[in-house]
Amino acid sequence: MTGTATLPDFHIVIPARYASQRFPQKLMADLGGKPVLQWVYELALKAGAQSVTIATDHQLIEKAAIGFGASVVMTRDDHENGTERLAEVAAKMGWLGGEIVVNVQGDEPFLPVNLIHSSVIALNQDKEAEMATVACAIDQIEDFFNPNVVKVVCDEKQRALYFSRSPMPWNRDGFASNPERTGLLPVDFPALRHIGLYVYRASLLAKYADLPMSPLERWEKLEQLRFLHQGIKVQVALADGLPTHGVDTLEDLEKLRHQLSLGDFS
């Protein structure tokens, strides 16, 4: 979607929690001689943002981030998610309503910079949308039926209609003729695989705290449904493929260490 479109000004905020249920202190874990969080900060710098800020509620992360030259904003420790932390940073920085803020997860050390650019451009080009995200094609039918793979369907303007862990839309005739649900999905299948990168207008972050959790979000455990429930338009940028998985577990970290040793990210 980027084409020759001009990249607008934007800010990057990296929410950095110290505690993690599945992998405590993962952002400080060593990856190729430096913390995971430092990899994320350095890739964010390459994106050409007006500012790159690490948002944390823990002094150890603050100390480490300052040590590798990052700008840090200390936030409250009662935030339920990264979006709330972003909203606090945007308010403290005084960013105006139309400014674009990118949420780059602190555990995504090899997120492609072009995904940041494409999502920022997608939001900038859709003047009615208040946020944007990224998705890619679903190739394997197993992924379509996997509840851990979040699906999104879009309208003709490439805005999200719905996100779900369930298989959607249901291919009534196609699945009826393929009861074993094997093989590849057709190339024109309308469901996409959601990639958890979010871009917001500062005006949306300013009112986020007043948006109640929706029943859809409560059932699906997908925060982005809070926005759709409120009628907020979400533009979806298309990625060529699924980016390298982030660090959710120790096993993920070991895989990245192995890939790094092979020079996969050089």
Protein backbone atom coordinates (compact mmCIF):
# COMPACT_ATOMS: atom_id res chain seq x y z
CA MET A 1 0.00 0.00 0.00
CA THR A 2 2.92 2.30 0.52
CA GLY A 3 3.90 2.67 -3.15
CA THR A 4 5.29 6.16 -3.60
CA ALA A 5 3.17 7.61 -0.80
CA THR A 6 4.91 10.13 1.43
CA LEU A 7 5.64 8.94 4.94
CA PRO A 8 4.02 11.39 7.38
CA ASP A 9 5.44 12.42 10.74
CA PHE A 10 4.80 9.95 13.54
CA HIS A 11 5.93 8.96 17.02
CA ILE A 12 6.85 5.49 18.30
CA VAL A 13 6.15 4.38 21.85
CA ILE A 14 7.47 1.05 23.14
CA PRO A 15 5.46 -0.16 26.16
CA ALA A 16 7.87 -2.14 28.34
CA ARG A 17 6.49 -4.17 31.24
CA TYR A 18 9.05 -5.78 33.53
CA ALA A 19 6.75 -8.58 34.68
CA SER A 20 5.33 -11.19 32.33
CA GLN A 21 3.29 -14.21 33.33
CA ARG A 22 4.73 -16.57 30.75
CA PHE A 23 8.29 -15.23 30.67
CA PRO A 24 9.22 -12.85 33.50
CA GLN A 25 11.81 -10.17 32.70
CA LYS A 26 11.92 -11.22 29.05
CA LEU A 27 12.67 -7.69 27.82
CA MET A 28 15.94 -7.77 29.73
CA ALA A 29 16.92 -11.23 28.43
CA ASP A 30 20.15 -11.40 26.45
CA LEU A 31 19.85 -11.76 22.70
CA GLY A 32 23.12 -11.66 20.80
CA GLY A 33 24.86 -9.64 23.48
CA LYS A 34 22.19 -7.05 24.24
CA PRO A 35 18.73 -7.01 25.82
CA VAL A 36 15.66 -7.83 23.74
CA LEU A 37 14.36 -4.33 24.47
CA GLN A 38 17.48 -2.73 22.99
CA TRP A 39 16.93 -4.59 19.70
CA VAL A 40 13.39 -3.19 19.60
CA TYR A 41 14.57 0.34 20.36
CA GLU A 42 17.22 0.21 17.65
CA LEU A 43 14.80 -1.05 15.00
CA ALA A 44 12.37 1.70 16.02
CA LEU A 45 15.11 4.29 15.43
CA LYS A 46 15.51 2.99 11.89
CA ALA A 47 11.86 3.77 11.15
CA GLY A 48 12.54 7.51 11.03
CA ALA A 49 10.01 8.60 13.63
CA GLN A 50 9.96 12.08 15.12
CA SER A 51 10.51 10.47 18.50
CA VAL A 52 11.04 7.01 19.98
CA THR A 53 10.06 6.58 23.62
CA ILE A 54 10.21 3.60 25.95
CA ALA A 55 7.29 3.63 28.40
CA THR A 56 7.78 1.60 31.56
CA ASP A 57 6.72 1.42 35.19
CA HIS A 58 9.88 -0.29 36.46
CA GLN A 59 13.14 1.33 37.49
CA LEU A 60 15.30 -1.55 36.25
CA ILE A 61 13.96 -1.13 32.72
CA GLU A 62 14.35 2.64 33.00
CA LYS A 63 17.99 2.24 34.05
CA ALA A 64 18.76 -0.24 31.28
CA ALA A 65 17.04 1.89 28.62
CA ILE A 66 18.88 5.03 29.64
CA GLY A 67 22.06 2.96 29.54
CA PHE A 68 21.65 2.25 25.82
CA GLY A 69 20.63 5.82 25.07
CA ALA A 70 16.84 5.60 24.97
CA SER A 71 14.34 8.26 25.91
CA VAL A 72 12.18 6.91 28.76
CA VAL A 73 8.86 7.97 30.26
CA MET A 74 7.87 6.45 33.59
CA THR A 75 4.19 5.52 33.69
CA ARG A 76 1.72 4.31 36.27
CA ASP A 77 1.89 0.65 37.33
CA ASP A 78 -1.85 -0.03 37.14
CA HIS A 79 -2.30 -0.08 33.36
CA GLU A 80 -4.18 -3.10 32.04
CA ASN A 81 -2.59 -3.02 28.60
CA GLY A 82 -0.11 -1.27 26.36
CA THR A 83 -2.71 1.06 24.88
CA GLU A 84 -3.37 2.60 28.29
CA ARG A 85 0.36 3.11 28.71
CA LEU A 86 0.53 4.77 25.28
CA ALA A 87 -2.32 7.09 26.22
CA GLU A 88 -0.47 8.24 29.33
CA VAL A 89 2.69 8.93 27.33
CA ALA A 90 0.77 10.84 24.64
CA ALA A 91 -0.82 13.02 27.30
CA LYS A 92 2.49 13.68 29.05
CA MET A 93 4.19 14.56 25.76
CA GLY A 94 1.37 16.89 24.76
CA TRP A 95 0.84 15.31 21.35
CA LEU A 96 -2.02 16.92 19.45
CA GLY A 97 -5.14 15.17 18.21
CA GLY A 98 -4.03 14.52 14.65
CA GLU A 99 -0.57 13.25 15.49
CA ILE A 100 0.16 9.59 14.74
CA VAL A 101 1.45 7.29 17.46
CA VAL A 102 2.77 3.78 16.78
CA ASN A 103 2.69 1.08 19.44
CA VAL A 104 5.75 -1.14 18.92
CA GLN A 105 5.75 -4.07 21.32
CA GLY A 106 8.86 -4.39 23.46
CA ASP A 107 9.14 -8.11 22.71
CA GLU A 108 9.30 -7.81 18.88
CA PRO A 109 13.04 -7.45 18.20
CA PHE A 110 12.82 -8.18 14.47
CA LEU A 111 9.62 -6.43 13.48
CA PRO A 112 10.09 -5.27 9.86
CA VAL A 113 10.34 -1.49 9.64
CA ASN A 114 8.30 -1.55 6.43
CA LEU A 115 5.28 -2.75 8.46
CA ILE A 116 5.54 0.36 10.61
CA HIS A 117 5.70 2.52 7.50
CA SER A 118 2.81 0.81 5.70
CA SER A 119 0.51 1.06 8.72
CA VAL A 120 1.38 4.73 9.30
CA ILE A 121 0.72 5.54 5.65
CA ALA A 122 -2.54 3.56 5.71
CA LEU A 123 -3.84 5.61 8.64
CA ASN A 124 -2.64 8.88 7.13
CA GLN A 125 -4.43 8.15 3.84
CA ASP A 126 -7.74 7.23 5.49
CA LYS A 127 -8.88 10.52 7.03
CA GLU A 128 -11.95 8.91 8.65
CA ALA A 129 -10.04 6.13 10.43
CA GLU A 130 -8.71 6.74 13.93
CA MET A 131 -6.35 3.79 14.05
CA ALA A 132 -4.65 1.24 11.82
CA THR A 133 -3.22 -2.23 12.09
CA VAL A 134 -1.62 -4.86 9.84
CA ALA A 135 -2.69 -8.20 8.40
CA CYS A 136 -1.44 -10.76 5.91
CA ALA A 137 -2.88 -13.61 3.89
CA ILE A 138 -3.75 -16.93 5.50
CA ASP A 139 -2.22 -19.74 3.44
CA GLN A 140 -2.75 -22.82 5.57
CA ILE A 141 -6.21 -24.02 6.46
CA GLU A 142 -4.87 -25.19 9.83
CA ASP A 143 -4.17 -21.55 10.71
CA PHE A 144 -7.71 -20.61 9.75
CA PHE A 145 -9.10 -23.00 12.36
CA ASN A 146 -6.47 -22.21 15.01
CA PRO A 147 -7.95 -20.02 17.79
CA ASN A 148 -4.48 -18.63 18.50
CA VAL A 149 -4.42 -17.12 15.00
CA VAL A 150 -6.59 -14.01 15.02
CA LYS A 151 -8.56 -13.45 11.85
CA VAL A 152 -9.81 -10.15 10.42
CA VAL A 153 -12.25 -9.43 7.59
CA CYS A 154 -12.38 -6.04 5.89
CA ASP A 155 -14.77 -3.92 3.87
CA GLU A 156 -14.12 -2.51 0.40
CA LYS A 157 -12.14 0.38 1.90
CA GLN A 158 -9.83 -2.07 3.67
CA ARG A 159 -11.29 -1.19 7.05
CA ALA A 160 -11.79 -3.92 9.63
CA LEU A 161 -15.29 -5.33 9.90
CA TYR A 162 -14.49 -7.81 12.66
CA PHE A 163 -11.65 -9.63 14.40
CA SER A 164 -12.10 -13.15 15.74
CA ARG A 165 -10.32 -16.22 17.01
CA SER A 166 -12.98 -18.30 15.28
CA PRO A 167 -12.82 -19.30 11.60
CA MET A 168 -14.58 -16.58 9.65
CA PRO A 169 -16.14 -16.13 7.23
CA TRP A 170 -17.53 -19.64 6.94
CA ASN A 171 -17.07 -21.09 3.46
CA ARG A 172 -20.35 -22.97 3.43
CA ASP A 173 -19.98 -24.76 0.10
CA GLY A 174 -16.20 -25.13 0.18
CA PHE A 175 -16.02 -26.68 3.65
CA ALA A 176 -19.02 -28.90 2.96
CA SER A 177 -17.14 -30.42 0.03
CA ASN A 178 -13.94 -30.75 2.08
CA PRO A 179 -15.04 -32.23 5.44
CA GLU A 180 -11.45 -33.09 6.37
CA ARG A 181 -10.54 -29.40 6.06
CA THR A 182 -7.22 -30.12 4.42
CA GLY A 183 -5.08 -28.30 1.90
CA LEU A 184 -4.66 -24.64 1.06
CA LEU A 185 -7.28 -21.93 1.27
CA PRO A 186 -8.26 -20.35 -2.06
CA VAL A 187 -6.26 -17.26 -3.01
CA ASP A 188 -9.40 -15.08 -2.93
CA PHE A 189 -10.40 -16.15 0.56
CA PRO A 190 -11.46 -12.92 2.33
CA ALA A 191 -10.09 -13.63 5.82
CA LEU A 192 -6.69 -12.22 6.75
CA ARG A 193 -4.30 -13.06 9.58
CA HIS A 194 -4.03 -10.18 12.02
CA ILE A 195 -0.56 -8.94 12.97
CA GLY A 196 -0.58 -7.12 16.31
CA LEU A 197 0.89 -3.77 15.33
CA TYR A 198 -1.27 -0.76 16.18
CA VAL A 199 -1.14 2.85 15.05
CA TYR A 200 -3.36 5.51 16.64
CA ARG A 201 -4.29 9.13 16.26
CA ALA A 202 -3.48 10.92 19.50
CA SER A 203 -7.13 12.01 19.75
CA LEU A 204 -8.20 8.36 20.07
CA LEU A 205 -5.65 7.69 22.79
CA ALA A 206 -6.95 10.72 24.67
CA LYS A 207 -10.43 9.21 24.92
CA TYR A 208 -9.37 5.57 25.30
CA ALA A 209 -9.77 5.54 29.09
CA ASP A 210 -13.44 6.44 28.68
CA LEU A 211 -14.17 3.58 26.27
CA PRO A 212 -15.76 0.71 28.24
CA MET A 213 -14.81 -2.89 27.57
CA SER A 214 -17.27 -4.34 25.07
CA PRO A 215 -18.97 -7.75 25.35
CA LEU A 216 -17.17 -8.71 22.13
CA GLU A 217 -13.78 -7.97 23.70
CA ARG A 218 -14.74 -9.85 26.85
CA TRP A 219 -15.66 -12.97 24.90
CA GLU A 220 -12.88 -12.99 22.32
CA LYS A 221 -10.16 -11.51 24.59
CA LEU A 222 -9.23 -9.14 21.77
CA GLU A 223 -8.72 -5.52 22.78
CA GLN A 224 -9.24 -4.16 19.27
CA LEU A 225 -12.92 -5.14 19.42
CA ARG A 226 -13.44 -2.34 21.95
CA PHE A 227 -12.82 0.14 19.13
CA LEU A 228 -15.08 -1.56 16.59
CA HIS A 229 -17.87 -1.78 19.17
CA GLN A 230 -17.68 2.00 19.53
CA GLY A 231 -17.88 2.53 15.77
CA ILE A 232 -14.25 3.57 15.46
CA LYS A 233 -12.89 2.94 11.98
CA VAL A 234 -9.77 0.75 11.84
CA GLN A 235 -7.75 0.77 8.63
CA VAL A 236 -5.88 -2.45 7.80
CA ALA A 237 -2.54 -2.35 5.96
CA LEU A 238 -1.52 -5.46 4.05
CA ALA A 239 1.80 -7.21 4.68
CA ASP A 240 3.49 -9.55 2.21
CA GLY A 241 3.86 -12.25 4.84
CA LEU A 242 4.02 -13.08 8.51
CA PRO A 243 6.94 -11.35 10.29
CA THR A 244 9.35 -13.15 12.61
CA HIS A 245 7.66 -14.19 15.84
CA GLY A 246 8.42 -12.15 18.95
CA VAL A 247 9.54 -13.31 22.40
CA ASP A 248 6.58 -14.72 24.31
CA THR A 249 8.39 -17.66 25.88
CA LEU A 250 11.91 -18.87 26.64
CA GLU A 251 11.56 -21.22 23.67
CA ASP A 252 10.90 -18.23 21.41
CA LEU A 253 14.05 -16.56 22.71
CA GLU A 254 16.14 -19.67 22.07
CA LYS A 255 14.85 -19.88 18.49
CA LEU A 256 15.79 -16.25 17.84
CA ARG A 257 19.22 -16.80 19.37
CA HIS A 258 19.74 -19.74 17.01
CA GLN A 259 18.56 -17.76 13.97
CA LEU A 260 20.79 -14.88 14.95
CA SER A 261 23.78 -17.21 15.21
CA LEU A 262 23.07 -18.37 11.67
CA GLY A 263 23.04 -14.78 10.42
CA ASP A 264 19.34 -14.81 9.55
CA PHE A 265 18.91 -11.19 10.66
CA SER A 266 22.14 -9.68 9.35
